[in-house]
Amino acid sequence: MAANVLKRIGLLTPLAGLLLVLVLVNVLLSLGNQSLRVEVGERQQFITQTIQLEGLHREIVAALASSAVKNNDEQLKSLLASQGISLVGDPRAAGGAK
């Protein structure tokens, strides 16, 4: 009977050690997963804010371009050109010339 108990202890001790290792691995993976979730959340927030500001950006550029053409402002035209925005002329005048 004592030998049977020793066999069980000999079998259960390595299993308990393996279980402890698996629990530690689970905790480490959970912490890594949590930090990845935070990073993904921050990226999603940035994307959402960028989309919200895109309309405002377009309106500002359109107002600046209109003002540059209307007032023939060379400094404003060169500023827009330095940002990759080309001005051909007054879009309203081109639309009316059809």
PDB file of N, CA and C in Angstrom:
ATOM      1  N   MET A   1       0.802  -1.181   0.000  1.00  0.00           N
ATOM      2  CA  MET A   1       0.000   0.000   0.000  1.00  0.00           C
ATOM      3  C   MET A   1       0.857   1.262   0.000  1.00  0.00           C
ATOM      4  N   ALA A   2       1.910   1.264   0.786  1.00  0.00           N
ATOM      5  CA  ALA A   2       2.814   2.406   0.821  1.00  0.00           C
ATOM      6  C   ALA A   2       3.505   2.584  -0.523  1.00  0.00           C
ATOM      7  N   ALA A   3       3.801   1.482  -1.185  1.00  0.00           N
ATOM      8  CA  ALA A   3       4.436   1.559  -2.502  1.00  0.00           C
ATOM      9  C   ALA A   3       3.480   2.164  -3.516  1.00  0.00           C
ATOM     10  N   ASN A   4       2.192   1.850  -3.381  1.00  0.00           N
ATOM     11  CA  ASN A   4       1.176   2.388  -4.280  1.00  0.00           C
ATOM     12  C   ASN A   4       1.047   3.906  -4.107  1.00  0.00           C
ATOM     13  N   VAL A   5       1.113   4.375  -2.876  1.00  0.00           N
ATOM     14  CA  VAL A   5       1.045   5.806  -2.584  1.00  0.00           C
ATOM     15  C   VAL A   5       2.272   6.505  -3.151  1.00  0.00           C
ATOM     16  N   LEU A   6       3.438   5.889  -3.017  1.00  0.00           N
ATOM     17  CA  LEU A   6       4.664   6.483  -3.548  1.00  0.00           C
ATOM     18  C   LEU A   6       4.622   6.560  -5.065  1.00  0.00           C
ATOM     19  N   LYS A   7       4.020   5.539  -5.718  1.00  0.00           N
ATOM     20  CA  LYS A   7       3.885   5.588  -7.169  1.00  0.00           C
ATOM     21  C   LYS A   7       2.989   6.753  -7.581  1.00  0.00           C
ATOM     22  N   ARG A   8       1.894   6.942  -6.839  1.00  0.00           N
ATOM     23  CA  ARG A   8       0.981   8.045  -7.160  1.00  0.00           C
ATOM     24  C   ARG A   8       1.657   9.393  -6.959  1.00  0.00           C
ATOM     25  N   ILE A   9       2.404   9.514  -5.884  1.00  0.00           N
ATOM     26  CA  ILE A   9       3.125  10.772  -5.627  1.00  0.00           C
ATOM     27  C   ILE A   9       4.165  10.995  -6.719  1.00  0.00           C
ATOM     28  N   GLY A  10       4.833   9.931  -7.108  1.00  0.00           N
ATOM     29  CA  GLY A  10       5.832  10.034  -8.175  1.00  0.00           C
ATOM     30  C   GLY A  10       5.211  10.417  -9.504  1.00  0.00           C
ATOM     31  N   LEU A  11       3.978  10.052  -9.734  1.00  0.00           N
ATOM     32  CA  LEU A  11       3.283  10.403 -10.968  1.00  0.00           C
ATOM     33  C   LEU A  11       2.667  11.795 -10.880  1.00  0.00           C
ATOM     34  N   LEU A  12       2.125  12.139  -9.728  1.00  0.00           N
ATOM     35  CA  LEU A  12       1.428  13.413  -9.584  1.00  0.00           C
ATOM     36  C   LEU A  12       2.384  14.610  -9.476  1.00  0.00           C
ATOM     37  N   THR A  13       3.554  14.407  -8.939  1.00  0.00           N
ATOM     38  CA  THR A  13       4.507  15.511  -8.787  1.00  0.00           C
ATOM     39  C   THR A  13       4.937  16.091 -10.135  1.00  0.00           C
ATOM     40  N   PRO A  14       5.346  15.281 -11.121  1.00  0.00           N
ATOM     41  CA  PRO A  14       5.682  15.865 -12.429  1.00  0.00           C
ATOM     42  C   PRO A  14       4.466  16.496 -13.115  1.00  0.00           C
ATOM     43  N   LEU A  15       3.306  15.895 -12.926  1.00  0.00           N
ATOM     44  CA  LEU A  15       2.098  16.483 -13.511  1.00  0.00           C
ATOM     45  C   LEU A  15       1.797  17.842 -12.893  1.00  0.00           C
ATOM     46  N   ALA A  16       1.982  17.974 -11.592  1.00  0.00           N
ATOM     47  CA  ALA A  16       1.780  19.255 -10.922  1.00  0.00           C
ATOM     48  C   ALA A  16       2.787  20.290 -11.426  1.00  0.00           C
ATOM     49  N   GLY A  17       4.025  19.858 -11.657  1.00  0.00           N
ATOM     50  CA  GLY A  17       5.041  20.762 -12.199  1.00  0.00           C
ATOM     51  C   GLY A  17       4.687  21.210 -13.605  1.00  0.00           C
ATOM     52  N   LEU A  18       4.218  20.275 -14.427  1.00  0.00           N
ATOM     53  CA  LEU A  18       3.802  20.608 -15.790  1.00  0.00           C
ATOM     54  C   LEU A  18       2.624  21.577 -15.765  1.00  0.00           C
ATOM     55  N   LEU A  19       1.674  21.336 -14.869  1.00  0.00           N
ATOM     56  CA  LEU A  19       0.528  22.222 -14.734  1.00  0.00           C
ATOM     57  C   LEU A  19       0.972  23.622 -14.338  1.00  0.00           C
ATOM     58  N   LEU A  20       1.918  23.730 -13.428  1.00  0.00           N
ATOM     59  CA  LEU A  20       2.440  25.025 -13.007  1.00  0.00           C
ATOM     60  C   LEU A  20       3.095  25.752 -14.180  1.00  0.00           C
ATOM     61  N   VAL A  21       3.876  25.034 -14.971  1.00  0.00           N
ATOM     62  CA  VAL A  21       4.527  25.633 -16.143  1.00  0.00           C
ATOM     63  C   VAL A  21       3.470  26.125 -17.133  1.00  0.00           C
ATOM     64  N   LEU A  22       2.431  25.318 -17.368  1.00  0.00           N
ATOM     65  CA  LEU A  22       1.385  25.710 -18.299  1.00  0.00           C
ATOM     66  C   LEU A  22       0.618  26.941 -17.816  1.00  0.00           C
ATOM     67  N   VAL A  23       0.398  27.030 -16.518  1.00  0.00           N
ATOM     68  CA  VAL A  23      -0.272  28.212 -15.965  1.00  0.00           C
ATOM     69  C   VAL A  23       0.594  29.452 -16.168  1.00  0.00           C
ATOM     70  N   LEU A  24       1.882  29.340 -15.938  1.00  0.00           N
ATOM     71  CA  LEU A  24       2.791  30.479 -16.141  1.00  0.00           C
ATOM     72  C   LEU A  24       2.826  30.899 -17.610  1.00  0.00           C
ATOM     73  N   VAL A  25       2.846  29.933 -18.522  1.00  0.00           N
ATOM     74  CA  VAL A  25       2.825  30.250 -19.954  1.00  0.00           C
ATOM     75  C   VAL A  25       1.526  30.960 -20.308  1.00  0.00           C
ATOM     76  N   ASN A  26       0.419  30.500 -19.756  1.00  0.00           N
ATOM     77  CA  ASN A  26      -0.877  31.124 -20.005  1.00  0.00           C
ATOM     78  C   ASN A  26      -0.888  32.577 -19.522  1.00  0.00           C
ATOM     79  N   VAL A  27      -0.330  32.833 -18.367  1.00  0.00           N
ATOM     80  CA  VAL A  27      -0.277  34.199 -17.828  1.00  0.00           C
ATOM     81  C   VAL A  27       0.568  35.087 -18.738  1.00  0.00           C
ATOM     82  N   LEU A  28       1.718  34.593 -19.172  1.00  0.00           N
ATOM     83  CA  LEU A  28       2.581  35.384 -20.049  1.00  0.00           C
ATOM     84  C   LEU A  28       1.901  35.680 -21.389  1.00  0.00           C
ATOM     85  N   LEU A  29       1.233  34.696 -21.948  1.00  0.00           N
ATOM     86  CA  LEU A  29       0.523  34.914 -23.206  1.00  0.00           C
ATOM     87  C   LEU A  29      -0.626  35.897 -23.029  1.00  0.00           C
ATOM     88  N   SER A  30      -1.300  35.843 -21.908  1.00  0.00           N
ATOM     89  CA  SER A  30      -2.389  36.785 -21.645  1.00  0.00           C
ATOM     90  C   SER A  30      -1.873  38.215 -21.547  1.00  0.00           C
ATOM     91  N   LEU A  31      -0.736  38.396 -20.897  1.00  0.00           N
ATOM     92  CA  LEU A  31      -0.152  39.738 -20.791  1.00  0.00           C
ATOM     93  C   LEU A  31       0.265  40.259 -22.162  1.00  0.00           C
ATOM     94  N   GLY A  32       0.863  39.397 -22.977  1.00  0.00           N
ATOM     95  CA  GLY A  32       1.241  39.794 -24.338  1.00  0.00           C
ATOM     96  C   GLY A  32       0.026  40.144 -25.167  1.00  0.00           C
ATOM     97  N   ASN A  33      -1.030  39.378 -25.037  1.00  0.00           N
ATOM     98  CA  ASN A  33      -2.256  39.628 -25.771  1.00  0.00           C
ATOM     99  C   ASN A  33      -2.876  40.957 -25.350  1.00  0.00           C
ATOM    100  N   GLN A  34      -2.825  41.248 -24.073  1.00  0.00           N
ATOM    101  CA  GLN A  34      -3.385  42.499 -23.570  1.00  0.00           C
ATOM    102  C   GLN A  34      -2.634  43.700 -24.150  1.00  0.00           C
ATOM    103  N   SER A  35      -1.314  43.630 -24.207  1.00  0.00           N
ATOM    104  CA  SER A  35      -0.556  44.751 -24.754  1.00  0.00           C
ATOM    105  C   SER A  35      -0.824  44.917 -26.250  1.00  0.00           C
ATOM    106  N   LEU A  36      -1.029  43.812 -26.967  1.00  0.00           N
ATOM    107  CA  LEU A  36      -1.369  43.906 -28.385  1.00  0.00           C
ATOM    108  C   LEU A  36      -2.752  44.529 -28.578  1.00  0.00           C
ATOM    109  N   ARG A  37      -3.681  44.206 -27.707  1.00  0.00           N
ATOM    110  CA  ARG A  37      -5.017  44.799 -27.791  1.00  0.00           C
ATOM    111  C   ARG A  37      -4.960  46.308 -27.587  1.00  0.00           C
ATOM    112  N   VAL A  38      -4.145  46.755 -26.660  1.00  0.00           N
ATOM    113  CA  VAL A  38      -3.999  48.190 -26.414  1.00  0.00           C
ATOM    114  C   VAL A  38      -3.424  48.868 -27.656  1.00  0.00           C
ATOM    115  N   GLU A  39      -2.406  48.265 -28.254  1.00  0.00           N
ATOM    116  CA  GLU A  39      -1.786  48.827 -29.456  1.00  0.00           C
ATOM    117  C   GLU A  39      -2.782  48.897 -30.610  1.00  0.00           C
ATOM    118  N   VAL A  40      -3.552  47.847 -30.807  1.00  0.00           N
ATOM    119  CA  VAL A  40      -4.553  47.835 -31.872  1.00  0.00           C
ATOM    120  C   VAL A  40      -5.618  48.892 -31.606  1.00  0.00           C
ATOM    121  N   GLY A  41      -6.013  49.054 -30.365  1.00  0.00           N
ATOM    122  CA  GLY A  41      -6.990  50.084 -30.010  1.00  0.00           C
ATOM    123  C   GLY A  41      -6.482  51.484 -30.309  1.00  0.00           C
ATOM    124  N   GLU A  42      -5.214  51.737 -30.030  1.00  0.00           N
ATOM    125  CA  GLU A  42      -4.620  53.048 -30.317  1.00  0.00           C
ATOM    126  C   GLU A  42      -4.575  53.298 -31.819  1.00  0.00           C
ATOM    127  N   ARG A  43      -4.218  52.277 -32.585  1.00  0.00           N
ATOM    128  CA  ARG A  43      -4.183  52.430 -34.044  1.00  0.00           C
ATOM    129  C   ARG A  43      -5.578  52.683 -34.604  1.00  0.00           C
ATOM    130  N   GLN A  44      -6.566  51.980 -34.083  1.00  0.00           N
ATOM    131  CA  GLN A  44      -7.939  52.165 -34.542  1.00  0.00           C
ATOM    132  C   GLN A  44      -8.423  53.572 -34.234  1.00  0.00           C
ATOM    133  N   GLN A  45      -8.069  54.086 -33.070  1.00  0.00           N
ATOM    134  CA  GLN A  45      -8.451  55.447 -32.703  1.00  0.00           C
ATOM    135  C   GLN A  45      -7.805  56.456 -33.654  1.00  0.00           C
ATOM    136  N   PHE A  46      -6.546  56.247 -34.006  1.00  0.00           N
ATOM    137  CA  PHE A  46      -5.856  57.138 -34.939  1.00  0.00           C
ATOM    138  C   PHE A  46      -6.544  57.121 -36.298  1.00  0.00           C
ATOM    139  N   ILE A  47      -6.897  55.931 -36.773  1.00  0.00           N
ATOM    140  CA  ILE A  47      -7.566  55.811 -38.072  1.00  0.00           C
ATOM    141  C   ILE A  47      -8.910  56.516 -38.042  1.00  0.00           C
ATOM    142  N   THR A  48      -9.661  56.343 -36.984  1.00  0.00           N
ATOM    143  CA  THR A  48     -10.971  56.978 -36.862  1.00  0.00           C
ATOM    144  C   THR A  48     -10.841  58.495 -36.848  1.00  0.00           C
ATOM    145  N   GLN A  49      -9.874  59.012 -36.105  1.00  0.00           N
ATOM    146  CA  GLN A  49      -9.674  60.455 -36.046  1.00  0.00           C
ATOM    147  C   GLN A  49      -9.221  60.998 -37.396  1.00  0.00           C
ATOM    148  N   THR A  50      -8.401  60.251 -38.104  1.00  0.00           N
ATOM    149  CA  THR A  50      -7.934  60.681 -39.419  1.00  0.00           C
ATOM    150  C   THR A  50      -9.099  60.784 -40.390  1.00  0.00           C
ATOM    151  N   ILE A  51      -9.991  59.817 -40.358  1.00  0.00           N
ATOM    152  CA  ILE A  51     -11.157  59.833 -41.236  1.00  0.00           C
ATOM    153  C   ILE A  51     -12.048  61.028 -40.913  1.00  0.00           C
ATOM    154  N   GLN A  52     -12.226  61.306 -39.636  1.00  0.00           N
ATOM    155  CA  GLN A  52     -13.057  62.435 -39.229  1.00  0.00           C
ATOM    156  C   GLN A  52     -12.467  63.764 -39.682  1.00  0.00           C
ATOM    157  N   LEU A  53     -11.140  63.875 -39.678  1.00  0.00           N
ATOM    158  CA  LEU A  53     -10.497  65.138 -40.040  1.00  0.00           C
ATOM    159  C   LEU A  53     -10.308  65.304 -41.551  1.00  0.00           C
ATOM    160  N   GLU A  54     -10.503  64.251 -42.314  1.00  0.00           N
ATOM    161  CA  GLU A  54     -10.286  64.325 -43.760  1.00  0.00           C
ATOM    162  C   GLU A  54     -11.217  65.342 -44.416  1.00  0.00           C
ATOM    163  N   GLY A  55     -12.484  65.366 -44.023  1.00  0.00           N
ATOM    164  CA  GLY A  55     -13.433  66.326 -44.591  1.00  0.00           C
ATOM    165  C   GLY A  55     -13.023  67.760 -44.300  1.00  0.00           C
ATOM    166  N   LEU A  56     -12.596  68.008 -43.077  1.00  0.00           N
ATOM    167  CA  LEU A  56     -12.135  69.344 -42.706  1.00  0.00           C
ATOM    168  C   LEU A  56     -10.905  69.738 -43.523  1.00  0.00           C
ATOM    169  N   HIS A  57     -10.002  68.796 -43.714  1.00  0.00           N
ATOM    170  CA  HIS A  57      -8.785  69.054 -44.493  1.00  0.00           C
ATOM    171  C   HIS A  57      -9.142  69.451 -45.921  1.00  0.00           C
ATOM    172  N   ARG A  58     -10.082  68.730 -46.519  1.00  0.00           N
ATOM    173  CA  ARG A  58     -10.495  69.043 -47.893  1.00  0.00           C
ATOM    174  C   ARG A  58     -11.111  70.439 -47.987  1.00  0.00           C
ATOM    175  N   GLU A  59     -11.935  70.797 -47.005  1.00  0.00           N
ATOM    176  CA  GLU A  59     -12.555  72.116 -47.007  1.00  0.00           C
ATOM    177  C   GLU A  59     -11.519  73.229 -46.875  1.00  0.00           C
ATOM    178  N   ILE A  60     -10.523  73.018 -46.022  1.00  0.00           N
ATOM    179  CA  ILE A  60      -9.470  74.022 -45.836  1.00  0.00           C
ATOM    180  C   ILE A  60      -8.677  74.192 -47.126  1.00  0.00           C
ATOM    181  N   VAL A  61      -8.312  73.090 -47.760  1.00  0.00           N
ATOM    182  CA  VAL A  61      -7.549  73.159 -49.007  1.00  0.00           C
ATOM    183  C   VAL A  61      -8.373  73.843 -50.096  1.00  0.00           C
ATOM    184  N   ALA A  62      -9.653  73.497 -50.177  1.00  0.00           N
ATOM    185  CA  ALA A  62     -10.509  74.123 -51.191  1.00  0.00           C
ATOM    186  C   ALA A  62     -10.617  75.627 -50.957  1.00  0.00           C
ATOM    187  N   ALA A  63     -10.760  76.052 -49.708  1.00  0.00           N
ATOM    188  CA  ALA A  63     -10.855  77.481 -49.401  1.00  0.00           C
ATOM    189  C   ALA A  63      -9.549  78.199 -49.725  1.00  0.00           C
ATOM    190  N   LEU A  64      -8.427  77.575 -49.395  1.00  0.00           N
ATOM    191  CA  LEU A  64      -7.132  78.185 -49.710  1.00  0.00           C
ATOM    192  C   LEU A  64      -6.919  78.279 -51.223  1.00  0.00           C
ATOM    193  N   ALA A  65      -7.277  77.229 -51.942  1.00  0.00           N
ATOM    194  CA  ALA A  65      -7.112  77.231 -53.401  1.00  0.00           C
ATOM    195  C   ALA A  65      -8.004  78.282 -54.027  1.00  0.00           C
ATOM    196  N   SER A  66      -9.227  78.383 -53.566  1.00  0.00           N
ATOM    197  CA  SER A  66     -10.146  79.383 -54.094  1.00  0.00           C
ATOM    198  C   SER A  66      -9.624  80.794 -53.840  1.00  0.00           C
ATOM    199  N   SER A  67      -9.130  81.011 -52.645  1.00  0.00           N
ATOM    200  CA  SER A  67      -8.586  82.321 -52.299  1.00  0.00           C
ATOM    201  C   SER A  67      -7.344  82.634 -53.122  1.00  0.00           C
ATOM    202  N   ALA A  68      -6.490  81.653 -53.341  1.00  0.00           N
ATOM    203  CA  ALA A  68      -5.265  81.870 -54.121  1.00  0.00           C
ATOM    204  C   ALA A  68      -5.595  82.246 -55.551  1.00  0.00           C
ATOM    205  N   VAL A  69      -6.583  81.581 -56.145  1.00  0.00           N
ATOM    206  CA  VAL A  69      -6.966  81.875 -57.526  1.00  0.00           C
ATOM    207  C   VAL A  69      -7.689  83.214 -57.604  1.00  0.00           C
ATOM    208  N   LYS A  70      -8.611  83.438 -56.680  1.00  0.00           N
ATOM    209  CA  LYS A  70      -9.414  84.664 -56.692  1.00  0.00           C
ATOM    210  C   LYS A  70      -8.545  85.911 -56.529  1.00  0.00           C
ATOM    211  N   ASN A  71      -7.591  85.852 -55.616  1.00  0.00           N
ATOM    212  CA  ASN A  71      -6.748  87.017 -55.321  1.00  0.00           C
ATOM    213  C   ASN A  71      -5.414  86.987 -56.059  1.00  0.00           C
ATOM    214  N   ASN A  72      -5.202  85.957 -56.878  1.00  0.00           N
ATOM    215  CA  ASN A  72      -3.943  85.784 -57.607  1.00  0.00           C
ATOM    216  C   ASN A  72      -2.750  85.888 -56.647  1.00  0.00           C
ATOM    217  N   ASP A  73      -2.843  85.171 -55.538  1.00  0.00           N
ATOM    218  CA  ASP A  73      -1.844  85.205 -54.477  1.00  0.00           C
ATOM    219  C   ASP A  73      -0.743  84.184 -54.788  1.00  0.00           C
ATOM    220  N   GLU A  74       0.390  84.698 -55.251  1.00  0.00           N
ATOM    221  CA  GLU A  74       1.494  83.818 -55.655  1.00  0.00           C
ATOM    222  C   GLU A  74       2.096  83.061 -54.467  1.00  0.00           C
ATOM    223  N   GLN A  75       2.182  83.701 -53.319  1.00  0.00           N
ATOM    224  CA  GLN A  75       2.730  83.021 -52.135  1.00  0.00           C
ATOM    225  C   GLN A  75       1.840  81.842 -51.734  1.00  0.00           C
ATOM    226  N   LEU A  76       0.552  82.054 -51.746  1.00  0.00           N
ATOM    227  CA  LEU A  76      -0.379  80.986 -51.385  1.00  0.00           C
ATOM    228  C   LEU A  76      -0.355  79.876 -52.435  1.00  0.00           C
ATOM    229  N   LYS A  77      -0.243  80.261 -53.705  1.00  0.00           N
ATOM    230  CA  LYS A  77      -0.142  79.255 -54.777  1.00  0.00           C
ATOM    231  C   LYS A  77       1.118  78.416 -54.615  1.00  0.00           C
ATOM    232  N   SER A  78       2.230  79.061 -54.282  1.00  0.00           N
ATOM    233  CA  SER A  78       3.480  78.304 -54.115  1.00  0.00           C
ATOM    234  C   SER A  78       3.424  77.426 -52.865  1.00  0.00           C
ATOM    235  N   LEU A  79       2.740  77.901 -51.818  1.00  0.00           N
ATOM    236  CA  LEU A  79       2.562  77.081 -50.615  1.00  0.00           C
ATOM    237  C   LEU A  79       1.760  75.827 -50.951  1.00  0.00           C
ATOM    238  N   LEU A  80       0.666  75.992 -51.666  1.00  0.00           N
ATOM    239  CA  LEU A  80      -0.147  74.845 -52.068  1.00  0.00           C
ATOM    240  C   LEU A  80       0.638  73.914 -52.987  1.00  0.00           C
ATOM    241  N   ALA A  81       1.396  74.482 -53.899  1.00  0.00           N
ATOM    242  CA  ALA A  81       2.203  73.662 -54.814  1.00  0.00           C
ATOM    243  C   ALA A  81       3.265  72.877 -54.054  1.00  0.00           C
ATOM    244  N   SER A  82       3.826  73.473 -53.000  1.00  0.00           N
ATOM    245  CA  SER A  82       4.845  72.756 -52.219  1.00  0.00           C
ATOM    246  C   SER A  82       4.249  71.562 -51.477  1.00  0.00           C
ATOM    247  N   GLN A  83       2.922  71.584 -51.294  1.00  0.00           N
ATOM    248  CA  GLN A  83       2.233  70.471 -50.637  1.00  0.00           C
ATOM    249  C   GLN A  83       1.620  69.499 -51.639  1.00  0.00           C
ATOM    250  N   GLY A  84       1.923  69.713 -52.939  1.00  0.00           N
ATOM    251  CA  GLY A  84       1.444  68.793 -53.967  1.00  0.00           C
ATOM    252  C   GLY A  84       0.057  69.117 -54.486  1.00  0.00           C
ATOM    253  N   ILE A  85      -0.408  70.330 -54.262  1.00  0.00           N
ATOM    254  CA  ILE A  85      -1.732  70.739 -54.727  1.00  0.00           C
ATOM    255  C   ILE A  85      -1.534  71.702 -55.887  1.00  0.00           C
ATOM    256  N   SER A  86      -1.984  71.272 -57.065  1.00  0.00           N
ATOM    257  CA  SER A  86      -1.793  72.119 -58.246  1.00  0.00           C
ATOM    258  C   SER A  86      -3.070  72.886 -58.537  1.00  0.00           C
ATOM    259  N   LEU A  87      -2.911  74.133 -58.950  1.00  0.00           N
ATOM    260  CA  LEU A  87      -4.039  74.999 -59.294  1.00  0.00           C
ATOM    261  C   LEU A  87      -3.999  75.263 -60.781  1.00  0.00           C
ATOM    262  N   VAL A  88      -5.093  74.970 -61.449  1.00  0.00           N
ATOM    263  CA  VAL A  88      -5.168  75.198 -62.891  1.00  0.00           C
ATOM    264  C   VAL A  88      -5.802  76.540 -63.170  1.00  0.00           C
ATOM    265  N   GLY A  89      -6.781  76.901 -62.404  1.00  0.00           N
ATOM    266  CA  GLY A  89      -7.496  78.156 -62.576  1.00  0.00           C
ATOM    267  C   GLY A  89      -8.717  78.133 -61.691  1.00  0.00           C
ATOM    268  N   ASP A  90      -9.605  79.053 -61.897  1.00  0.00           N
ATOM    269  CA  ASP A  90     -10.823  79.119 -61.100  1.00  0.00           C
ATOM    270  C   ASP A  90     -11.785  78.045 -61.590  1.00  0.00           C
ATOM    271  N   PRO A  91     -12.089  77.046 -60.782  1.00  0.00           N
ATOM    272  CA  PRO A  91     -12.969  75.966 -61.222  1.00  0.00           C
ATOM    273  C   PRO A  91     -14.364  76.469 -61.582  1.00  0.00           C
ATOM    274  N   ARG A  92     -14.822  77.535 -60.944  1.00  0.00           N
ATOM    275  CA  ARG A  92     -16.152  78.068 -61.246  1.00  0.00           C
ATOM    276  C   ARG A  92     -16.147  78.732 -62.623  1.00  0.00           C
ATOM    277  N   ALA A  93     -15.054  79.406 -62.965  1.00  0.00           N
ATOM    278  CA  ALA A  93     -14.959  80.054 -64.281  1.00  0.00           C
ATOM    279  C   ALA A  93     -14.863  78.992 -65.373  1.00  0.00           C
ATOM    280  N   ALA A  94     -14.158  77.927 -65.120  1.00  0.00           N
ATOM    281  CA  ALA A  94     -14.028  76.857 -66.116  1.00  0.00           C
ATOM    282  C   ALA A  94     -15.380  76.167 -66.311  1.00  0.00           C
ATOM    283  N   GLY A  95     -16.141  76.007 -65.277  1.00  0.00           N
ATOM    284  CA  GLY A  95     -17.452  75.388 -65.384  1.00  0.00           C
ATOM    285  C   GLY A  95     -18.423  76.271 -66.131  1.00  0.00           C
ATOM    286  N   GLY A  96     -18.311  77.574 -66.006  1.00  0.00           N
ATOM    287  CA  GLY A  96     -19.196  78.501 -66.682  1.00  0.00           C
ATOM    288  C   GLY A  96     -18.840  78.698 -68.140  1.00  0.00           C
ATOM    289  N   ALA A  97     -17.625  78.322 -68.556  1.00  0.00           N
ATOM    290  CA  ALA A  97     -17.178  78.544 -69.931  1.00  0.00           C
ATOM    291  C   ALA A  97     -17.673  77.471 -70.871  1.00  0.00           C
ATOM    292  N   LYS A  98     -18.301  76.425 -70.356  1.00  0.00           N
ATOM    293  CA  LYS A  98     -18.776  75.314 -71.202  1.00  0.00           C
ATOM    294  C   LYS A  98     -19.793  75.759 -72.159  1.00  0.00           C
TER     295      LYS A  98
END
